[in-house]
Amino acid sequence: MPAMGPAMGPTIVPHIFRFNGDALEICGPYMTVDRPTDFEGPGMVIMHRPSAIDEENKVKPIEGLTEREKIFGYITEFTKILPEKKLEEPSPMDSPDVQQKKVLDGIKFQNGVHKVETMYGESTIETIFVIMSKNGILSL
């Protein structure tokens, strides 16, 4: 039997998708690697094309900000996306609706993290980690 791991290459996880009006519907397996046969359950995601990007979702330029302003801006934006309670992993014991909500909550958080990290860049994040490490807030 061949060794398992990165040498085997990526795991292929089959999804199904369809266009439904202005929406892209994608359904992937959940708690299995089997291809879904219908568009329902916790692996179901519906993406709508936005009619317009509102001010809240526009990436704001940070050129011209001082390093201190970038750090403060990053921390401010990051705290806005933090969930009110700890994100929970979906469980097989959860109803399909609860499973889907947990998955979507995780995706929403990761999307927010990506947006903030893209806006402020790696150098700002590295500076924050160095400051936190020097002050005993973070162990690297």
C-alpha atoms as a PDB file:
ATOM      1  CA  MET A   1       0.000   0.000   0.000  1.00  0.00           C
ATOM      2  CA  PRO A   2       1.475   3.422  -0.942  1.00  0.00           C
ATOM      3  CA  ALA A   3       2.270   5.932   1.776  1.00  0.00           C
ATOM      4  CA  MET A   4      -0.464   8.422   2.569  1.00  0.00           C
ATOM      5  CA  GLY A   5       0.143  12.161   2.687  1.00  0.00           C
ATOM      6  CA  PRO A   6       1.311  14.989   0.458  1.00  0.00           C
ATOM      7  CA  ALA A   7       3.244  12.641  -1.840  1.00  0.00           C
ATOM      8  CA  MET A   8      -0.091  11.156  -2.913  1.00  0.00           C
ATOM      9  CA  GLY A   9      -1.247  14.554  -4.209  1.00  0.00           C
ATOM     10  CA  PRO A  10      -4.374  16.475  -3.320  1.00  0.00           C
ATOM     11  CA  THR A  11      -7.562  14.720  -2.323  1.00  0.00           C
ATOM     12  CA  ILE A  12     -10.209  15.138  -4.988  1.00  0.00           C
ATOM     13  CA  VAL A  13     -13.525  16.142  -3.446  1.00  0.00           C
ATOM     14  CA  PRO A  14     -16.328  16.027  -6.022  1.00  0.00           C
ATOM     15  CA  HIS A  15     -18.923  18.795  -6.063  1.00  0.00           C
ATOM     16  CA  ILE A  16     -21.984  19.441  -8.169  1.00  0.00           C
ATOM     17  CA  PHE A  17     -22.930  22.900  -9.382  1.00  0.00           C
ATOM     18  CA  ARG A  18     -25.549  24.662 -11.442  1.00  0.00           C
ATOM     19  CA  PHE A  19     -26.535  28.165 -12.447  1.00  0.00           C
ATOM     20  CA  ASN A  20     -29.979  29.178 -11.253  1.00  0.00           C
ATOM     21  CA  GLY A  21     -30.891  32.652 -12.512  1.00  0.00           C
ATOM     22  CA  ASP A  22     -28.246  35.042 -11.190  1.00  0.00           C
ATOM     23  CA  ALA A  23     -27.043  32.512  -8.593  1.00  0.00           C
ATOM     24  CA  LEU A  24     -24.357  29.851  -8.656  1.00  0.00           C
ATOM     25  CA  GLU A  25     -25.374  26.847  -6.559  1.00  0.00           C
ATOM     26  CA  ILE A  26     -22.610  24.541  -5.372  1.00  0.00           C
ATOM     27  CA  CYS A  27     -23.067  21.420  -3.288  1.00  0.00           C
ATOM     28  CA  GLY A  28     -20.156  19.487  -1.875  1.00  0.00           C
ATOM     29  CA  PRO A  29     -19.911  16.413   0.305  1.00  0.00           C
ATOM     30  CA  TYR A  30     -20.190  16.790   4.047  1.00  0.00           C
ATOM     31  CA  MET A  31     -18.650  14.287   6.502  1.00  0.00           C
ATOM     32  CA  THR A  32     -17.878  12.066   3.478  1.00  0.00           C
ATOM     33  CA  VAL A  33     -15.990  12.269   0.187  1.00  0.00           C
ATOM     34  CA  ASP A  34     -18.903  10.998  -1.898  1.00  0.00           C
ATOM     35  CA  ARG A  35     -20.297  13.257  -4.610  1.00  0.00           C
ATOM     36  CA  PRO A  36     -23.704  14.682  -3.634  1.00  0.00           C
ATOM     37  CA  THR A  37     -26.669  13.697  -5.785  1.00  0.00           C
ATOM     38  CA  ASP A  38     -28.910  16.685  -5.074  1.00  0.00           C
ATOM     39  CA  PHE A  39     -28.685  20.314  -4.049  1.00  0.00           C
ATOM     40  CA  GLU A  40     -29.441  20.233  -0.337  1.00  0.00           C
ATOM     41  CA  GLY A  41     -27.806  19.721   3.036  1.00  0.00           C
ATOM     42  CA  PRO A  42     -24.912  21.385   4.891  1.00  0.00           C
ATOM     43  CA  GLY A  43     -22.614  21.261   1.856  1.00  0.00           C
ATOM     44  CA  MET A  44     -24.967  23.490  -0.144  1.00  0.00           C
ATOM     45  CA  VAL A  45     -23.799  27.033  -0.914  1.00  0.00           C
ATOM     46  CA  ILE A  46     -25.632  29.619  -3.007  1.00  0.00           C
ATOM     47  CA  MET A  47     -23.634  32.548  -4.350  1.00  0.00           C
ATOM     48  CA  HIS A  48     -25.461  35.578  -5.719  1.00  0.00           C
ATOM     49  CA  ARG A  49     -23.871  38.174  -7.946  1.00  0.00           C
ATOM     50  CA  PRO A  50     -24.091  41.505  -6.154  1.00  0.00           C
ATOM     51  CA  SER A  51     -26.057  44.196  -7.934  1.00  0.00           C
ATOM     52  CA  ALA A  52     -23.654  46.784  -6.556  1.00  0.00           C
ATOM     53  CA  ILE A  53     -20.892  46.837  -3.980  1.00  0.00           C
ATOM     54  CA  ASP A  54     -21.951  48.878  -0.972  1.00  0.00           C
ATOM     55  CA  GLU A  55     -19.537  51.064   0.977  1.00  0.00           C
ATOM     56  CA  GLU A  56     -19.234  48.473   3.756  1.00  0.00           C
ATOM     57  CA  ASN A  57     -17.829  45.861   1.359  1.00  0.00           C
ATOM     58  CA  LYS A  58     -15.441  48.054  -0.615  1.00  0.00           C
ATOM     59  CA  VAL A  59     -11.756  47.550   0.068  1.00  0.00           C
ATOM     60  CA  LYS A  60     -10.520  50.863   1.407  1.00  0.00           C
ATOM     61  CA  PRO A  61      -7.114  52.101   0.242  1.00  0.00           C
ATOM     62  CA  ILE A  62      -4.475  52.303   2.950  1.00  0.00           C
ATOM     63  CA  GLU A  63      -1.810  54.136   0.963  1.00  0.00           C
ATOM     64  CA  GLY A  64      -0.554  57.165   2.825  1.00  0.00           C
ATOM     65  CA  LEU A  65      -1.341  55.781   6.277  1.00  0.00           C
ATOM     66  CA  THR A  66       1.420  55.667   8.850  1.00  0.00           C
ATOM     67  CA  GLU A  67       2.482  52.286  10.233  1.00  0.00           C
ATOM     68  CA  ARG A  68       0.683  53.143  13.484  1.00  0.00           C
ATOM     69  CA  GLU A  69      -2.535  53.992  11.564  1.00  0.00           C
ATOM     70  CA  LYS A  70      -2.289  50.722   9.618  1.00  0.00           C
ATOM     71  CA  ILE A  71      -1.890  48.712  12.826  1.00  0.00           C
ATOM     72  CA  PHE A  72      -4.819  50.485  14.483  1.00  0.00           C
ATOM     73  CA  GLY A  73      -6.918  50.092  11.318  1.00  0.00           C
ATOM     74  CA  TYR A  74      -6.145  46.378  11.046  1.00  0.00           C
ATOM     75  CA  ILE A  75      -7.030  45.728  14.683  1.00  0.00           C
ATOM     76  CA  THR A  76     -10.227  47.795  14.384  1.00  0.00           C
ATOM     77  CA  GLU A  77     -11.360  45.989  11.215  1.00  0.00           C
ATOM     78  CA  PHE A  78     -10.402  42.581  12.626  1.00  0.00           C
ATOM     79  CA  THR A  79     -12.432  43.101  15.813  1.00  0.00           C
ATOM     80  CA  LYS A  80     -15.483  43.955  13.669  1.00  0.00           C
ATOM     81  CA  ILE A  81     -15.456  40.484  12.099  1.00  0.00           C
ATOM     82  CA  LEU A  82     -14.934  38.500  15.305  1.00  0.00           C
ATOM     83  CA  PRO A  83     -17.974  36.334  16.022  1.00  0.00           C
ATOM     84  CA  GLU A  84     -19.967  37.034  19.181  1.00  0.00           C
ATOM     85  CA  LYS A  85     -19.466  33.448  20.321  1.00  0.00           C
ATOM     86  CA  LYS A  86     -16.991  30.671  19.580  1.00  0.00           C
ATOM     87  CA  LEU A  87     -17.511  29.126  16.155  1.00  0.00           C
ATOM     88  CA  GLU A  88     -18.590  25.510  16.413  1.00  0.00           C
ATOM     89  CA  GLU A  89     -17.734  22.648  14.116  1.00  0.00           C
ATOM     90  CA  PRO A  90     -20.768  20.938  12.572  1.00  0.00           C
ATOM     91  CA  SER A  91     -21.644  17.651  14.165  1.00  0.00           C
ATOM     92  CA  PRO A  92     -23.411  14.632  12.635  1.00  0.00           C
ATOM     93  CA  MET A  93     -25.882  15.024  15.520  1.00  0.00           C
ATOM     94  CA  ASP A  94     -26.905  18.516  14.305  1.00  0.00           C
ATOM     95  CA  SER A  95     -29.912  18.976  12.062  1.00  0.00           C
ATOM     96  CA  PRO A  96     -29.078  19.818   8.421  1.00  0.00           C
ATOM     97  CA  ASP A  97     -30.115  23.454   9.024  1.00  0.00           C
ATOM     98  CA  VAL A  98     -27.820  23.770  12.064  1.00  0.00           C
ATOM     99  CA  GLN A  99     -24.960  22.099  10.180  1.00  0.00           C
ATOM    100  CA  GLN A 100     -25.406  24.512   7.283  1.00  0.00           C
ATOM    101  CA  LYS A 101     -25.476  27.535   9.616  1.00  0.00           C
ATOM    102  CA  LYS A 102     -22.260  26.414  11.325  1.00  0.00           C
ATOM    103  CA  VAL A 103     -20.515  25.915   7.974  1.00  0.00           C
ATOM    104  CA  LEU A 104     -21.706  29.287   6.679  1.00  0.00           C
ATOM    105  CA  ASP A 105     -20.654  31.056   9.908  1.00  0.00           C
ATOM    106  CA  GLY A 106     -17.140  29.657   9.437  1.00  0.00           C
ATOM    107  CA  ILE A 107     -17.042  30.700   5.779  1.00  0.00           C
ATOM    108  CA  LYS A 108     -18.271  34.198   6.644  1.00  0.00           C
ATOM    109  CA  PHE A 109     -15.531  34.579   9.275  1.00  0.00           C
ATOM    110  CA  GLN A 110     -12.783  33.284   6.958  1.00  0.00           C
ATOM    111  CA  ASN A 111     -14.003  35.634   4.217  1.00  0.00           C
ATOM    112  CA  GLY A 112     -13.783  38.559   6.643  1.00  0.00           C
ATOM    113  CA  VAL A 113     -10.269  37.567   7.728  1.00  0.00           C
ATOM    114  CA  HIS A 114      -9.171  37.340   4.098  1.00  0.00           C
ATOM    115  CA  LYS A 115     -10.652  40.770   3.317  1.00  0.00           C
ATOM    116  CA  VAL A 116      -8.866  42.448   6.254  1.00  0.00           C
ATOM    117  CA  GLU A 117      -5.556  40.670   5.581  1.00  0.00           C
ATOM    118  CA  THR A 118      -5.719  41.609   1.898  1.00  0.00           C
ATOM    119  CA  MET A 119      -6.507  45.221   2.747  1.00  0.00           C
ATOM    120  CA  TYR A 120      -3.619  45.707   5.193  1.00  0.00           C
ATOM    121  CA  GLY A 121      -1.042  43.284   3.786  1.00  0.00           C
ATOM    122  CA  GLU A 122       1.450  40.851   5.243  1.00  0.00           C
ATOM    123  CA  SER A 123       3.897  43.465   6.501  1.00  0.00           C
ATOM    124  CA  THR A 124       1.264  45.034   8.790  1.00  0.00           C
ATOM    125  CA  ILE A 125       0.260  41.614  10.123  1.00  0.00           C
ATOM    126  CA  GLU A 126       3.911  40.656  10.727  1.00  0.00           C
ATOM    127  CA  THR A 127       4.484  43.944  12.588  1.00  0.00           C
ATOM    128  CA  ILE A 128       1.476  43.222  14.813  1.00  0.00           C
ATOM    129  CA  PHE A 129       2.753  39.704  15.584  1.00  0.00           C
ATOM    130  CA  VAL A 130       6.203  41.063  16.471  1.00  0.00           C
ATOM    131  CA  ILE A 131       4.686  43.694  18.793  1.00  0.00           C
ATOM    132  CA  MET A 132       2.444  41.093  20.451  1.00  0.00           C
ATOM    133  CA  SER A 133       5.360  38.692  20.854  1.00  0.00           C
ATOM    134  CA  LYS A 134       7.628  41.354  22.396  1.00  0.00           C
ATOM    135  CA  ASN A 135       4.887  42.258  24.863  1.00  0.00           C
ATOM    136  CA  GLY A 136       4.212  38.673  25.933  1.00  0.00           C
ATOM    137  CA  ILE A 137       0.751  38.590  24.329  1.00  0.00           C
ATOM    138  CA  LEU A 138       1.741  35.976  21.754  1.00  0.00           C
ATOM    139  CA  SER A 139       4.313  33.183  21.830  1.00  0.00           C
ATOM    140  CA  LEU A 140       5.917  32.492  18.468  1.00  0.00           C
END
